[in-house]
């Protein structure tokens, strides 16, 4: 792992999907990346296990790492 980042969002007005998109944008901003595209495989993986990997195919620009992985960790 090159680096990691934890995004939290306690805004009760937002639904889970909005929080995921906002979190991905925050992560990409933190790492100075363009926001990746959600491909069918990403959507499918995310629906199954709340986790997905964005590979070079998901990014409009070249990336110098193998993949960006996001995972939802929900605490009660």
N, C-alpha and C. Protein backbone atom coordinates (compact mmCIF):
# COMPACT_ATOMS: atom_id res chain seq x y z
N UNK A 1 0.84 -1.17 0.00
CA UNK A 1 0.00 0.00 0.00
C UNK A 1 0.89 1.24 0.00
N UNK A 2 0.58 2.14 -0.90
CA UNK A 2 1.35 3.37 -0.98
C UNK A 2 0.90 4.38 0.07
N UNK A 3 -0.41 4.53 0.24
CA UNK A 3 -0.94 5.45 1.24
C UNK A 3 -2.41 5.13 1.47
N UNK A 4 -2.94 5.65 2.55
CA UNK A 4 -4.35 5.43 2.83
C UNK A 4 -4.99 6.72 3.34
N UNK A 5 -6.30 6.72 3.33
CA UNK A 5 -7.06 7.90 3.72
C UNK A 5 -8.42 7.42 4.23
N UNK A 6 -8.87 7.99 5.31
CA UNK A 6 -10.18 7.65 5.86
C UNK A 6 -11.07 8.88 5.74
N UNK A 7 -12.21 8.69 5.11
CA UNK A 7 -13.20 9.76 4.96
C UNK A 7 -14.39 9.42 5.83
N UNK A 8 -14.87 10.38 6.60
CA UNK A 8 -16.07 10.16 7.40
C UNK A 8 -17.11 11.21 7.03
N UNK A 9 -18.37 10.80 7.11
CA UNK A 9 -19.47 11.71 6.80
C UNK A 9 -20.65 11.33 7.69
N UNK A 10 -20.92 12.16 8.67
CA UNK A 10 -22.01 11.89 9.62
C UNK A 10 -23.28 12.66 9.29
N UNK A 11 -23.36 13.22 8.09
CA UNK A 11 -24.51 14.01 7.68
C UNK A 11 -25.73 13.10 7.48
N UNK A 12 -26.68 13.17 8.39
CA UNK A 12 -27.87 12.32 8.33
C UNK A 12 -28.79 12.68 7.17
N UNK A 13 -28.61 13.85 6.59
CA UNK A 13 -29.44 14.28 5.46
C UNK A 13 -29.04 13.59 4.15
N UNK A 14 -27.82 13.09 4.08
CA UNK A 14 -27.33 12.43 2.86
C UNK A 14 -27.63 10.94 2.89
N UNK A 15 -27.95 10.40 1.72
CA UNK A 15 -28.10 8.95 1.64
C UNK A 15 -26.72 8.31 1.46
N UNK A 16 -26.68 7.00 1.57
CA UNK A 16 -25.40 6.27 1.51
C UNK A 16 -24.69 6.50 0.17
N UNK A 17 -25.43 6.50 -0.92
CA UNK A 17 -24.83 6.70 -2.24
C UNK A 17 -24.14 8.06 -2.33
N UNK A 18 -24.79 9.10 -1.86
CA UNK A 18 -24.20 10.44 -1.89
C UNK A 18 -22.93 10.48 -1.05
N UNK A 19 -22.95 9.82 0.10
CA UNK A 19 -21.77 9.77 0.96
C UNK A 19 -20.61 9.06 0.25
N UNK A 20 -20.91 7.98 -0.47
CA UNK A 20 -19.86 7.24 -1.20
C UNK A 20 -19.25 8.14 -2.27
N UNK A 21 -20.10 8.80 -3.06
CA UNK A 21 -19.58 9.69 -4.11
C UNK A 21 -18.78 10.84 -3.53
N UNK A 22 -19.27 11.44 -2.45
CA UNK A 22 -18.53 12.53 -1.80
C UNK A 22 -17.20 12.03 -1.24
N UNK A 23 -17.21 10.84 -0.67
CA UNK A 23 -15.98 10.26 -0.14
C UNK A 23 -14.97 9.99 -1.22
N UNK A 24 -15.41 9.45 -2.35
CA UNK A 24 -14.50 9.18 -3.46
C UNK A 24 -13.90 10.47 -3.99
N UNK A 25 -14.70 11.51 -4.09
CA UNK A 25 -14.18 12.81 -4.53
C UNK A 25 -13.15 13.35 -3.55
N UNK A 26 -13.41 13.21 -2.25
CA UNK A 26 -12.47 13.69 -1.23
C UNK A 26 -11.16 12.91 -1.30
N UNK A 27 -11.25 11.62 -1.50
CA UNK A 27 -10.06 10.77 -1.61
C UNK A 27 -9.23 11.20 -2.82
N UNK A 28 -9.89 11.37 -3.94
CA UNK A 28 -9.18 11.75 -5.16
C UNK A 28 -8.54 13.13 -5.02
N UNK A 29 -9.24 14.04 -4.35
CA UNK A 29 -8.67 15.36 -4.10
C UNK A 29 -7.42 15.24 -3.22
N UNK A 30 -7.52 14.43 -2.17
CA UNK A 30 -6.39 14.23 -1.25
C UNK A 30 -5.16 13.68 -1.99
N UNK A 31 -5.39 12.77 -2.94
CA UNK A 31 -4.29 12.13 -3.66
C UNK A 31 -3.99 12.79 -5.00
N UNK A 32 -4.65 13.93 -5.27
CA UNK A 32 -4.45 14.67 -6.51
C UNK A 32 -4.71 13.79 -7.74
N UNK A 33 -5.87 13.15 -7.74
CA UNK A 33 -6.29 12.28 -8.84
C UNK A 33 -7.60 12.78 -9.42
N UNK A 34 -7.82 12.44 -10.69
CA UNK A 34 -9.13 12.64 -11.26
C UNK A 34 -10.07 11.59 -10.69
N UNK A 35 -11.34 11.91 -10.58
CA UNK A 35 -12.31 10.95 -10.05
C UNK A 35 -12.50 9.84 -11.09
N UNK A 36 -12.37 8.58 -10.68
CA UNK A 36 -12.50 7.48 -11.64
C UNK A 36 -13.95 7.26 -12.06
N UNK A 37 -14.09 6.58 -13.18
CA UNK A 37 -15.41 6.20 -13.67
C UNK A 37 -15.84 4.91 -13.00
N UNK A 38 -17.11 4.81 -12.70
CA UNK A 38 -17.67 3.58 -12.14
C UNK A 38 -18.02 2.65 -13.30
N UNK A 39 -17.21 1.64 -13.53
CA UNK A 39 -17.48 0.65 -14.57
C UNK A 39 -18.40 -0.43 -14.00
N UNK A 40 -18.97 -1.25 -14.87
CA UNK A 40 -19.90 -2.29 -14.43
C UNK A 40 -19.31 -3.18 -13.34
N UNK A 41 -18.05 -3.56 -13.50
CA UNK A 41 -17.39 -4.40 -12.50
C UNK A 41 -17.30 -3.73 -11.14
N UNK A 42 -17.04 -2.41 -11.14
CA UNK A 42 -16.97 -1.67 -9.89
C UNK A 42 -18.33 -1.65 -9.20
N UNK A 43 -19.36 -1.40 -9.97
CA UNK A 43 -20.71 -1.34 -9.41
C UNK A 43 -21.10 -2.69 -8.83
N UNK A 44 -20.84 -3.74 -9.58
CA UNK A 44 -21.18 -5.10 -9.14
C UNK A 44 -20.44 -5.47 -7.86
N UNK A 45 -19.13 -5.24 -7.83
CA UNK A 45 -18.33 -5.53 -6.63
C UNK A 45 -18.83 -4.74 -5.44
N UNK A 46 -19.10 -3.46 -5.66
CA UNK A 46 -19.50 -2.59 -4.57
C UNK A 46 -20.84 -3.01 -3.98
N UNK A 47 -21.76 -3.41 -4.83
CA UNK A 47 -23.07 -3.87 -4.35
C UNK A 47 -22.94 -5.14 -3.51
N UNK A 48 -22.00 -6.01 -3.88
CA UNK A 48 -21.84 -7.29 -3.19
C UNK A 48 -21.15 -7.15 -1.84
N UNK A 49 -20.03 -6.42 -1.82
CA UNK A 49 -19.19 -6.43 -0.62
C UNK A 49 -18.79 -5.04 -0.10
N UNK A 50 -19.44 -3.98 -0.61
CA UNK A 50 -19.15 -2.61 -0.18
C UNK A 50 -17.67 -2.26 -0.33
N UNK A 51 -17.07 -2.78 -1.40
CA UNK A 51 -15.65 -2.57 -1.66
C UNK A 51 -15.42 -2.72 -3.16
N UNK A 52 -14.53 -1.90 -3.73
CA UNK A 52 -14.18 -2.05 -5.13
C UNK A 52 -12.79 -1.49 -5.39
N UNK A 53 -12.22 -1.92 -6.51
CA UNK A 53 -10.91 -1.43 -6.94
C UNK A 53 -11.07 -0.73 -8.29
N UNK A 54 -10.56 0.47 -8.36
CA UNK A 54 -10.54 1.21 -9.62
C UNK A 54 -9.15 1.03 -10.24
N UNK A 55 -9.09 0.38 -11.38
CA UNK A 55 -7.83 0.16 -12.08
C UNK A 55 -7.63 1.26 -13.13
N UNK A 56 -6.56 1.17 -13.88
CA UNK A 56 -6.24 2.18 -14.89
C UNK A 56 -7.38 2.41 -15.86
N UNK A 57 -8.17 1.39 -16.15
CA UNK A 57 -9.30 1.53 -17.08
C UNK A 57 -10.34 2.53 -16.59
N UNK A 58 -10.40 2.76 -15.30
CA UNK A 58 -11.40 3.65 -14.72
C UNK A 58 -10.98 5.12 -14.74
N UNK A 59 -9.72 5.38 -14.97
CA UNK A 59 -9.20 6.75 -14.92
C UNK A 59 -8.99 7.31 -16.31
N UNK A 60 -9.29 8.59 -16.48
CA UNK A 60 -9.09 9.26 -17.76
C UNK A 60 -7.61 9.55 -18.01
N UNK A 61 -6.86 9.78 -16.94
CA UNK A 61 -5.43 10.06 -17.07
C UNK A 61 -4.62 8.81 -16.68
N UNK A 62 -3.35 8.82 -17.02
CA UNK A 62 -2.47 7.72 -16.63
C UNK A 62 -2.27 7.75 -15.12
N UNK A 63 -2.19 6.58 -14.51
CA UNK A 63 -1.93 6.49 -13.08
C UNK A 63 -0.62 5.73 -12.87
N UNK A 64 0.07 6.02 -11.79
CA UNK A 64 1.36 5.37 -11.53
C UNK A 64 1.26 4.39 -10.36
N UNK A 65 0.11 3.73 -10.25
CA UNK A 65 -0.11 2.71 -9.23
C UNK A 65 -1.03 1.66 -9.86
N UNK A 66 -1.17 0.52 -9.19
CA UNK A 66 -1.96 -0.58 -9.76
C UNK A 66 -3.46 -0.34 -9.67
N UNK A 67 -3.94 0.16 -8.54
CA UNK A 67 -5.37 0.38 -8.37
C UNK A 67 -5.63 1.26 -7.16
N UNK A 68 -6.81 1.87 -7.16
CA UNK A 68 -7.33 2.61 -6.01
C UNK A 68 -8.48 1.78 -5.46
N UNK A 69 -8.39 1.42 -4.21
CA UNK A 69 -9.42 0.59 -3.59
C UNK A 69 -10.18 1.42 -2.56
N UNK A 70 -11.51 1.31 -2.60
CA UNK A 70 -12.32 1.95 -1.58
C UNK A 70 -13.16 0.88 -0.90
N UNK A 71 -13.41 1.10 0.38
CA UNK A 71 -14.21 0.17 1.17
C UNK A 71 -15.04 0.96 2.16
N UNK A 72 -16.30 0.56 2.30
CA UNK A 72 -17.18 1.20 3.27
C UNK A 72 -17.05 0.47 4.60
N UNK A 73 -16.78 1.23 5.63
CA UNK A 73 -16.73 0.67 6.98
C UNK A 73 -17.76 1.45 7.78
N UNK A 74 -18.82 0.79 8.14
CA UNK A 74 -19.89 1.45 8.88
C UNK A 74 -19.81 1.09 10.35
N UNK A 75 -19.89 2.12 11.18
CA UNK A 75 -19.87 1.91 12.62
C UNK A 75 -21.22 2.34 13.18
N UNK A 76 -21.67 1.61 14.17
CA UNK A 76 -22.95 1.96 14.80
C UNK A 76 -22.74 2.91 15.94
